[in-house]
Protein backbone atom coordinates (compact mmCIF):
# COMPACT_ATOMS: atom_id res chain seq x y z
CA UNK A 1 -28.63 -30.32 -37.77
CA UNK A 2 -27.46 -27.29 -39.65
CA UNK A 3 -26.37 -27.13 -43.30
CA UNK A 4 -23.38 -25.17 -44.84
CA UNK A 5 -23.93 -23.24 -48.00
CA UNK A 6 -22.53 -19.81 -49.22
CA UNK A 7 -23.67 -16.35 -51.06
CA UNK A 8 -22.82 -18.15 -54.49
CA UNK A 9 -24.76 -21.30 -54.75
CA UNK A 10 -28.03 -21.20 -56.55
CA UNK A 11 -31.58 -21.39 -54.91
CA UNK A 12 -31.77 -24.83 -56.36
CA UNK A 13 -28.96 -26.16 -54.41
CA UNK A 14 -29.60 -24.35 -51.17
CA UNK A 15 -32.91 -25.39 -50.97
CA UNK A 16 -32.55 -28.85 -51.44
CA UNK A 17 -30.47 -29.13 -48.27
CA UNK A 18 -30.92 -26.08 -46.31
CA UNK A 19 -33.97 -24.73 -44.14
CA UNK A 20 -36.07 -22.84 -46.21
CA UNK A 21 -39.03 -20.94 -46.55
CA UNK A 22 -41.07 -19.84 -49.54
CA UNK A 23 -43.53 -16.90 -49.20
CA UNK A 24 -44.92 -15.89 -52.67
CA UNK A 25 -41.77 -15.00 -55.18
CA UNK A 26 -39.60 -14.65 -52.00
CA UNK A 27 -37.57 -17.78 -50.73
CA UNK A 28 -35.13 -17.59 -47.53
CA UNK A 29 -32.70 -19.82 -46.06
CA UNK A 30 -30.20 -19.89 -43.07
CA UNK A 31 -27.26 -22.08 -42.25
CA UNK A 32 -23.58 -21.55 -41.98
CA UNK A 33 -20.25 -21.40 -43.58
CA UNK A 34 -17.16 -23.03 -42.40
CA UNK A 35 -14.15 -21.24 -41.77
CA UNK A 36 -11.56 -23.68 -40.63
CA UNK A 37 -12.80 -24.97 -37.16
CA UNK A 38 -15.18 -22.34 -36.88
CA UNK A 39 -18.67 -21.86 -38.21
CA UNK A 40 -20.56 -18.80 -38.61
CA UNK A 41 -24.31 -18.03 -39.53
CA UNK A 42 -25.48 -17.39 -43.04
CA UNK A 43 -28.98 -16.15 -44.28
CA UNK A 44 -29.80 -15.48 -47.90
CA UNK A 45 -32.82 -14.37 -49.93
CA UNK A 46 -33.83 -15.01 -53.31
CA UNK A 47 -36.87 -13.12 -55.31
CA UNK A 48 -37.84 -15.07 -58.45
CA UNK A 49 -34.86 -17.38 -58.09
CA UNK A 50 -32.53 -14.11 -58.25
CA UNK A 51 -30.62 -13.27 -55.17
CA UNK A 52 -31.80 -10.22 -53.49
CA UNK A 53 -29.23 -10.45 -50.41
CA UNK A 54 -26.58 -12.68 -48.47
CA UNK A 55 -25.96 -11.96 -45.11
CA UNK A 56 -22.81 -13.38 -43.23
CA UNK A 57 -21.95 -10.59 -40.60
CA UNK A 58 -24.48 -11.78 -37.76
CA UNK A 59 -21.51 -13.37 -35.89
CA UNK A 60 -18.24 -13.55 -37.14
CA UNK A 61 -16.14 -14.49 -33.51
CA UNK A 62 -15.03 -17.61 -32.47
CA UNK A 63 -18.51 -19.17 -31.95
CA UNK A 64 -19.73 -21.60 -33.54
CA UNK A 65 -23.00 -19.60 -34.70
CA UNK A 66 -25.22 -21.86 -36.89
CA UNK A 67 -28.52 -20.98 -38.40
CA UNK A 68 -30.99 -23.62 -37.93
CA UNK A 69 -34.23 -22.42 -39.19
CA UNK A 70 -36.54 -19.35 -39.65
CA UNK A 71 -40.19 -18.70 -39.04
CA UNK A 72 -42.13 -16.12 -41.12
CA UNK A 73 -45.76 -14.26 -40.46
CA UNK A 74 -47.09 -13.97 -43.70
CA UNK A 75 -49.82 -11.74 -42.26
CA UNK A 76 -47.88 -9.29 -40.34
CA UNK A 77 -44.60 -9.97 -42.36
CA UNK A 78 -42.47 -10.57 -39.74
CA UNK A 79 -39.47 -12.92 -39.97
CA UNK A 80 -37.50 -14.40 -37.46
CA UNK A 81 -34.14 -16.80 -37.78
CA UNK A 82 -33.09 -19.18 -35.20
CA UNK A 83 -29.54 -19.89 -34.41
CA UNK A 84 -27.43 -21.71 -31.82
CA UNK A 85 -24.46 -20.35 -30.10
CA UNK A 86 -21.86 -22.39 -28.05
CA UNK A 87 -19.98 -19.11 -26.23
CA UNK A 88 -18.04 -16.01 -26.59
CA UNK A 89 -20.78 -13.78 -27.39
CA UNK A 90 -20.27 -10.82 -25.06
CA UNK A 91 -22.64 -7.68 -24.01
CA UNK A 92 -23.24 -5.25 -26.89
CA UNK A 93 -20.15 -7.16 -28.88
CA UNK A 94 -20.34 -5.50 -32.75
CA UNK A 95 -19.51 -8.68 -34.42
CA UNK A 96 -22.38 -11.07 -33.12
CA UNK A 97 -26.23 -10.83 -32.03
CA UNK A 98 -25.50 -9.28 -28.96
CA UNK A 99 -24.93 -6.07 -30.67
CA UNK A 100 -29.00 -6.06 -31.16
CA UNK A 101 -29.92 -7.78 -27.66
CA UNK A 102 -29.73 -4.88 -25.39
CA UNK A 103 -32.66 -4.86 -23.41
CA UNK A 104 -33.90 -7.87 -24.53
CA UNK A 105 -34.57 -11.01 -22.19
CA UNK A 106 -31.09 -12.50 -22.32
CA UNK A 107 -28.79 -9.87 -23.37
CA UNK A 108 -25.75 -12.17 -24.32
CA UNK A 109 -24.57 -15.93 -24.11
CA UNK A 110 -24.12 -15.71 -20.09
CA UNK A 111 -26.46 -12.78 -19.24
CA UNK A 112 -28.11 -13.76 -15.67
CA UNK A 113 -25.66 -16.55 -15.43
CA UNK A 114 -22.21 -17.07 -13.93
CA UNK A 115 -20.29 -17.77 -16.91
CA UNK A 116 -19.97 -21.32 -18.64
CA UNK A 117 -19.30 -21.53 -22.32
CA UNK A 118 -19.54 -24.80 -24.44
CA UNK A 119 -23.00 -25.55 -23.88
CA UNK A 120 -25.50 -24.95 -27.16
CA UNK A 121 -27.99 -22.51 -26.62
CA UNK A 122 -30.47 -20.92 -28.63
CA UNK A 123 -30.69 -17.49 -30.11
CA UNK A 124 -33.73 -15.76 -31.70
CA UNK A 125 -33.30 -12.98 -33.97
CA UNK A 126 -36.11 -11.04 -35.67
CA UNK A 127 -34.58 -9.88 -39.32
CA UNK A 128 -35.87 -7.26 -42.02
CA UNK A 129 -37.18 -9.43 -44.51
CA UNK A 130 -36.76 -6.41 -46.94
CA UNK A 131 -32.69 -6.08 -46.41
CA UNK A 132 -31.51 -9.01 -43.97
CA UNK A 133 -30.58 -6.54 -41.09
CA UNK A 134 -30.84 -7.90 -37.68
CA UNK A 135 -33.73 -6.03 -35.83
CA UNK A 136 -33.56 -7.69 -32.42
CA UNK A 137 -32.25 -10.50 -31.01
CA UNK A 138 -32.38 -12.55 -27.51
CA UNK A 139 -30.56 -15.25 -26.02
CA UNK A 140 -32.15 -18.28 -24.97
CA UNK A 141 -30.41 -20.72 -22.18
CA UNK A 142 -31.49 -23.25 -19.33
CA UNK A 143 -29.24 -22.44 -16.07
CA UNK A 144 -27.85 -24.60 -13.48
CA UNK A 145 -28.38 -24.05 -9.85
CA UNK A 146 -24.80 -23.21 -9.61
CA UNK A 147 -25.96 -20.21 -12.13
CA UNK A 148 -23.65 -21.83 -14.84
CA UNK A 149 -25.41 -21.53 -18.46
CA UNK A 150 -26.82 -25.07 -19.76
CA UNK A 151 -27.83 -26.10 -22.96
CA UNK A 152 -31.22 -25.49 -25.04
CA UNK A 153 -30.68 -28.48 -27.51
CA UNK A 154 -33.74 -28.19 -29.72
CA UNK A 155 -36.76 -25.99 -30.74
CA UNK A 156 -39.86 -28.37 -30.98
CA UNK A 157 -42.54 -25.99 -31.42
CA UNK A 158 -43.35 -22.14 -32.01
CA UNK A 159 -46.21 -20.30 -32.18
CA UNK A 160 -48.43 -17.19 -31.08
CA UNK A 161 -50.96 -16.60 -28.60
CA UNK A 162 -53.88 -14.98 -28.36
CA UNK A 163 -52.14 -12.31 -26.51
CA UNK A 164 -49.93 -11.22 -29.55
CA UNK A 165 -46.69 -13.06 -28.17
CA UNK A 166 -44.56 -15.79 -29.14
CA UNK A 167 -44.52 -19.09 -27.43
CA UNK A 168 -41.74 -21.68 -27.71
CA UNK A 169 -41.64 -25.34 -26.72
CA UNK A 170 -37.95 -26.16 -26.13
CA UNK A 171 -36.05 -28.92 -25.35
CA UNK A 172 -33.55 -27.94 -22.13
CA UNK A 173 -31.30 -29.15 -19.97
CA UNK A 174 -31.29 -28.65 -16.20
CA UNK A 175 -33.04 -26.13 -15.42
CA UNK A 176 -35.42 -24.17 -17.29
CA UNK A 177 -35.29 -20.44 -16.34
CA UNK A 178 -38.05 -18.56 -14.26
CA UNK A 179 -39.53 -15.39 -15.71
CA UNK A 180 -36.95 -13.30 -13.71
CA UNK A 181 -34.20 -15.55 -15.50
CA UNK A 182 -33.18 -17.58 -12.28
CA UNK A 183 -33.16 -21.29 -12.13
CA UNK A 184 -36.17 -23.23 -11.69
CA UNK A 185 -36.26 -25.40 -8.66
CA UNK A 186 -36.90 -29.13 -10.65
CA UNK A 187 -37.68 -32.75 -9.77
CA UNK A 188 -35.06 -34.18 -12.37
CA UNK A 189 -37.15 -37.24 -12.86
CA UNK A 190 -40.16 -36.06 -14.21
CA UNK A 191 -38.14 -32.90 -15.77
CA UNK A 192 -36.71 -35.38 -18.18
CA UNK A 193 -39.57 -37.87 -18.77
CA UNK A 194 -40.56 -35.74 -21.78
CA UNK A 195 -38.36 -37.77 -23.93
CA UNK A 196 -37.80 -36.13 -27.42
CA UNK A 197 -40.57 -33.68 -26.71
CA UNK A 198 -40.36 -30.32 -25.22
CA UNK A 199 -39.92 -29.68 -21.65
CA UNK A 200 -40.02 -26.05 -21.46
CA UNK A 201 -42.73 -24.02 -22.38
CA UNK A 202 -41.64 -20.07 -22.83
CA UNK A 203 -43.59 -17.11 -24.18
CA UNK A 204 -41.62 -13.79 -24.99
CA UNK A 205 -42.89 -10.25 -26.35
CA UNK A 206 -42.28 -9.58 -29.94
CA UNK A 207 -39.98 -7.09 -29.10
CA UNK A 208 -37.91 -10.06 -26.81
CA UNK A 209 -37.36 -7.90 -24.18
CA UNK A 210 -39.41 -9.93 -21.35
CA UNK A 211 -40.96 -13.22 -21.01
CA UNK A 212 -44.94 -13.50 -19.90
CA UNK A 213 -44.69 -17.10 -18.87
CA UNK A 214 -42.00 -20.17 -18.38
CA UNK A 215 -43.22 -23.81 -17.64
CA UNK A 216 -41.88 -27.00 -17.08
CA UNK A 217 -42.74 -30.06 -15.73
CA UNK A 218 -41.76 -30.83 -11.99
CA UNK A 219 -40.51 -27.29 -11.48
CA UNK A 220 -41.28 -24.74 -9.33
CA UNK A 221 -42.56 -21.94 -9.31
CA UNK A 222 -44.88 -22.90 -12.35
CA UNK A 223 -45.39 -19.47 -13.92
CA UNK A 224 -47.53 -21.56 -16.45
CA UNK A 225 -49.73 -20.58 -18.97
CA UNK A 226 -52.84 -18.37 -17.93
CA UNK A 227 -56.16 -19.73 -18.55
CA UNK A 228 -57.01 -16.79 -20.65
CA UNK A 229 -54.38 -17.02 -22.68
CA UNK A 230 -54.49 -19.91 -25.65
CA UNK A 231 -52.07 -20.78 -28.59
CA UNK A 232 -53.54 -19.65 -31.53
CA UNK A 233 -51.41 -20.92 -33.91
CA UNK A 234 -48.48 -23.54 -33.72
CA UNK A 235 -45.95 -25.66 -35.71
CA UNK A 236 -44.71 -28.89 -34.21
CA UNK A 237 -41.16 -29.16 -35.21
CA UNK A 238 -40.57 -32.73 -34.06
CA UNK A 239 -43.09 -34.39 -36.31
CA UNK A 240 -43.65 -31.62 -39.19
CA UNK A 241 -47.45 -31.09 -38.27
CA UNK A 242 -49.13 -28.22 -37.93
CA UNK A 243 -51.54 -27.94 -34.88
CA UNK A 244 -54.32 -25.30 -34.64
CA UNK A 245 -53.15 -23.09 -37.80
CA UNK A 246 -56.28 -21.05 -38.04
CA UNK A 247 -55.63 -17.39 -37.00
CA UNK A 248 -52.04 -17.21 -37.85
CA UNK A 249 -50.07 -18.74 -41.13
CA UNK A 250 -46.88 -19.69 -40.19
CA UNK A 251 -44.27 -20.86 -43.02
CA UNK A 252 -41.76 -22.72 -41.79
CA UNK A 253 -39.01 -25.23 -42.22
CA UNK A 254 -36.56 -26.39 -39.26
CA UNK A 255 -33.56 -28.91 -39.48
CA UNK A 256 -31.93 -29.63 -36.20
């Protein structure tokens, strides 16, 4: 679940209810602001408890954009925010994440699809930790065999591989996408047998421009993780445990 807050609330108030991470003297939090029936994402930073920046302009369309969590690599000083989208984010629109998504894996809500709004999907955004500016973003959605967008309802795990790529464990509706963004052909019984755990393992490069592997149970083509690629660090958001933390320091909190 995401949490609502604003640019005027204190760190103590926001940290008690929102998705936040603290890195040394800096704390980052994200969530959403409510405007009538519409939600827009919000991302804030404090240094020594003093507000540094507050960003409310990542997405200001009629879409329900909400901040659900964030990741920080305190070795490389890289910050990612995770957001949801339910439609209306057009290619290169200056008022949503697509303005920094040109050339990324999915550059808009309905990219590599035949349309279909309403399904909640994920947006991965790389953010400048110094000033809060968006650097890059990509959309991540499932895809029906008809070509329409389908939901990615949960991010269960995230980490990095020994090939310096991001890896995500996602809970996706039918069905996961191939590396080339088309729909996988899946056995639905096997595909949904994972319960609350992820049923789609997707690896993206850090520029978010392409996928290196995309694997889902009961689906073809397999496109699974090559034998020479290992997950060097991983955070399991479902039960909050950190898996294989050596080699890369993830500081995380995620609320879905």
